[in-house]
């Protein structure tokens, strides 16, 4: 069953500023196929990749990267790849949970539903997740190239397109910091 995706061409496309992080103990930027795939897809969609890094599977390093991106007004969204499995070194979800204000439960649920159609019950090993912190969207994808393509092509491509109807995450961006403005 294909999901309905409607782009309202009468609306302007608003490029999103995206930071990309690969989490891996075994890769370098030179052989980061998943990061390269996401960089290409982000560019082809018309968005701006404003920061790209690769860090080890260390929660403190991931938290530091996320906090730096959240504090940077020129970054709207952070996408990570890797570290979402269940082994002892997979700590990306734990790092995300240290900084997230709100989890977007539907992102992980939808990712696993899409993944189930391709890899069956093996999808339970993915702890892909999404959330919001400081007005910045955060999305953690698994480290495989296929999972990155699925996460982008089936979910993020549409939700980060300001013309997508009936709704999208971009149109909510101006309101993501309402609670911070009320507290100040």
Protein backbone atom coordinates (compact mmCIF):
# COMPACT_ATOMS: atom_id res chain seq x y z
CA UNK A 1 0.00 0.00 0.00
CA UNK A 2 1.55 3.28 -1.08
CA UNK A 3 1.05 6.21 1.25
CA UNK A 4 -0.68 9.25 -0.22
CA UNK A 5 1.79 12.07 -0.76
CA UNK A 6 0.36 15.29 -2.10
CA UNK A 7 2.58 18.23 -2.94
CA UNK A 8 0.77 21.55 -3.29
CA UNK A 9 2.78 23.18 -6.08
CA UNK A 10 1.10 26.53 -5.38
CA UNK A 11 3.05 26.77 -2.10
CA UNK A 12 6.70 27.81 -1.92
CA UNK A 13 9.36 25.20 -1.15
CA UNK A 14 11.24 26.19 2.01
CA UNK A 15 14.69 24.59 2.28
CA UNK A 16 15.53 23.14 5.69
CA UNK A 17 19.03 23.52 7.18
CA UNK A 18 20.16 20.03 8.15
CA UNK A 19 23.10 18.71 10.19
CA UNK A 20 24.15 15.12 9.54
CA UNK A 21 25.99 12.87 11.97
CA UNK A 22 27.26 9.35 11.33
CA UNK A 23 27.79 7.32 14.49
CA UNK A 24 30.33 4.54 13.96
CA UNK A 25 33.36 2.91 15.55
CA UNK A 26 34.40 1.32 12.25
CA UNK A 27 33.84 3.93 9.53
CA UNK A 28 35.52 7.15 8.52
CA UNK A 29 34.13 9.98 6.39
CA UNK A 30 36.02 8.45 3.45
CA UNK A 31 33.97 5.22 3.57
CA UNK A 32 30.71 6.50 5.08
CA UNK A 33 28.25 5.19 2.48
CA UNK A 34 25.17 5.87 4.63
CA UNK A 35 26.23 9.45 5.32
CA UNK A 36 27.05 9.94 1.63
CA UNK A 37 23.62 8.58 0.70
CA UNK A 38 21.82 10.94 3.07
CA UNK A 39 23.92 13.91 1.93
CA UNK A 40 22.97 13.19 -1.69
CA UNK A 41 19.25 12.74 -0.88
CA UNK A 42 19.16 15.92 1.23
CA UNK A 43 20.72 17.92 -1.61
CA UNK A 44 18.49 16.41 -4.30
CA UNK A 45 15.43 17.39 -2.25
CA UNK A 46 16.60 21.03 -2.22
CA UNK A 47 17.62 21.25 1.44
CA UNK A 48 20.92 22.60 2.77
CA UNK A 49 23.45 20.36 4.51
CA UNK A 50 25.09 22.84 6.88
CA UNK A 51 27.17 20.45 8.99
CA UNK A 52 28.42 16.88 8.63
CA UNK A 53 30.47 14.86 11.10
CA UNK A 54 31.33 11.33 12.12
CA UNK A 55 31.67 10.37 15.78
CA UNK A 56 32.34 7.15 17.68
CA UNK A 57 29.59 5.31 19.53
CA UNK A 58 30.08 7.39 22.66
CA UNK A 59 26.96 8.86 24.24
CA UNK A 60 28.77 11.95 25.58
CA UNK A 61 30.13 12.82 22.13
CA UNK A 62 26.72 12.36 20.50
CA UNK A 63 25.04 14.47 23.21
CA UNK A 64 27.66 17.19 22.66
CA UNK A 65 27.03 17.22 18.91
CA UNK A 66 23.25 17.34 19.40
CA UNK A 67 23.44 20.16 21.94
CA UNK A 68 25.76 22.18 19.68
CA UNK A 69 23.35 21.77 16.76
CA UNK A 70 20.33 22.64 18.91
CA UNK A 71 22.10 25.81 20.09
CA UNK A 72 22.95 26.82 16.50
CA UNK A 73 20.14 29.02 15.10
CA UNK A 74 21.12 28.06 11.54
CA UNK A 75 20.26 24.37 12.07
CA UNK A 76 16.62 23.29 11.81
CA UNK A 77 17.04 19.52 11.84
CA UNK A 78 19.63 16.92 12.84
CA UNK A 79 19.68 13.50 11.21
CA UNK A 80 21.94 10.78 12.54
CA UNK A 81 22.78 7.39 11.06
CA UNK A 82 24.11 4.52 13.12
CA UNK A 83 24.13 3.40 16.72
CA UNK A 84 20.42 2.51 16.89
CA UNK A 85 20.79 -1.25 17.31
CA UNK A 86 20.71 -3.30 20.50
CA UNK A 87 24.38 -4.13 21.05
CA UNK A 88 26.38 -2.72 23.93
CA UNK A 89 28.03 -0.03 21.78
CA UNK A 90 24.73 1.22 20.25
CA UNK A 91 23.99 4.35 22.30
CA UNK A 92 22.41 6.84 19.89
CA UNK A 93 18.86 6.53 21.32
CA UNK A 94 20.20 6.96 24.86
CA UNK A 95 22.05 10.12 23.76
CA UNK A 96 18.91 11.47 22.07
CA UNK A 97 16.85 10.88 25.19
CA UNK A 98 19.29 13.01 27.19
CA UNK A 99 18.49 16.06 25.04
CA UNK A 100 14.96 15.56 23.65
CA UNK A 101 12.12 17.63 25.05
CA UNK A 102 9.48 15.70 23.12
CA UNK A 103 9.65 12.39 21.31
CA UNK A 104 7.92 12.01 17.96
CA UNK A 105 6.81 8.42 18.60
CA UNK A 106 5.22 8.07 15.19
CA UNK A 107 8.57 8.42 13.44
CA UNK A 108 10.05 5.26 14.95
CA UNK A 109 6.76 3.40 14.65
CA UNK A 110 6.36 4.31 10.97
CA UNK A 111 10.02 3.55 10.23
CA UNK A 112 9.67 0.05 11.70
CA UNK A 113 6.40 -0.51 9.84
CA UNK A 114 8.07 0.41 6.53
CA UNK A 115 11.09 -1.69 7.44
CA UNK A 116 8.91 -4.69 8.31
CA UNK A 117 7.76 -4.84 4.69
CA UNK A 118 11.39 -5.19 3.61
CA UNK A 119 13.17 -7.15 6.34
CA UNK A 120 10.34 -8.73 8.30
CA UNK A 121 10.64 -9.22 12.02
CA UNK A 122 14.31 -8.17 11.98
CA UNK A 123 12.93 -4.64 12.21
CA UNK A 124 12.54 -5.09 15.98
CA UNK A 125 16.31 -4.61 16.23
CA UNK A 126 15.96 -0.98 15.11
CA UNK A 127 15.54 1.72 17.71
CA UNK A 128 15.07 4.52 15.16
CA UNK A 129 13.47 7.54 16.78
CA UNK A 130 12.57 11.17 16.32
CA UNK A 131 12.08 14.11 18.60
CA UNK A 132 12.33 17.84 19.20
CA UNK A 133 14.66 19.88 21.41
CA UNK A 134 15.12 23.64 21.53
CA UNK A 135 13.08 24.09 18.37
CA UNK A 136 15.24 21.62 16.40
CA UNK A 137 14.02 18.35 14.92
CA UNK A 138 16.12 15.26 15.75
CA UNK A 139 15.94 11.98 13.82
CA UNK A 140 18.03 8.85 14.42
CA UNK A 141 18.22 6.33 11.59
CA UNK A 142 20.00 2.97 11.55
CA UNK A 143 23.44 2.77 9.97
CA UNK A 144 22.62 0.72 6.88
CA UNK A 145 22.35 2.48 3.54
CA UNK A 146 19.00 0.80 2.90
CA UNK A 147 17.60 2.04 6.21
CA UNK A 148 18.79 5.57 5.43
CA UNK A 149 17.09 5.47 2.04
CA UNK A 150 13.87 4.15 3.60
CA UNK A 151 13.87 6.75 6.38
CA UNK A 152 14.47 9.59 3.94
CA UNK A 153 12.44 8.49 0.91
CA UNK A 154 9.44 7.18 2.82
CA UNK A 155 9.19 9.67 5.73
CA UNK A 156 11.59 12.61 5.99
CA UNK A 157 11.47 13.62 2.34
CA UNK A 158 7.76 14.28 2.71
CA UNK A 159 7.61 15.66 6.23
CA UNK A 160 10.47 18.11 5.55
CA UNK A 161 8.76 19.43 2.40
CA UNK A 162 6.82 22.60 3.21
CA UNK A 163 4.39 21.84 0.35
CA UNK A 164 3.35 18.39 1.60
CA UNK A 165 -0.34 18.08 2.48
CA UNK A 166 -2.33 17.59 4.57
CA UNK A 167 0.48 18.68 6.91
CA UNK A 168 4.24 18.62 7.39
CA UNK A 169 6.85 19.32 10.04
CA UNK A 170 8.17 22.46 8.33
CA UNK A 171 4.96 24.41 8.88
CA UNK A 172 5.29 23.72 12.62
CA UNK A 173 8.85 25.05 12.87
CA UNK A 174 7.86 28.63 13.82
CA UNK A 175 5.91 27.23 16.79
CA UNK A 176 8.47 24.76 18.16
CA UNK A 177 9.82 27.26 20.69
CA UNK A 178 6.48 28.55 22.03
CA UNK A 179 7.07 27.00 25.45
CA UNK A 180 10.49 28.67 25.71
CA UNK A 181 9.08 32.10 24.86
CA UNK A 182 6.28 31.75 27.41
CA UNK A 183 8.76 30.76 30.14
CA UNK A 184 11.04 33.75 29.36
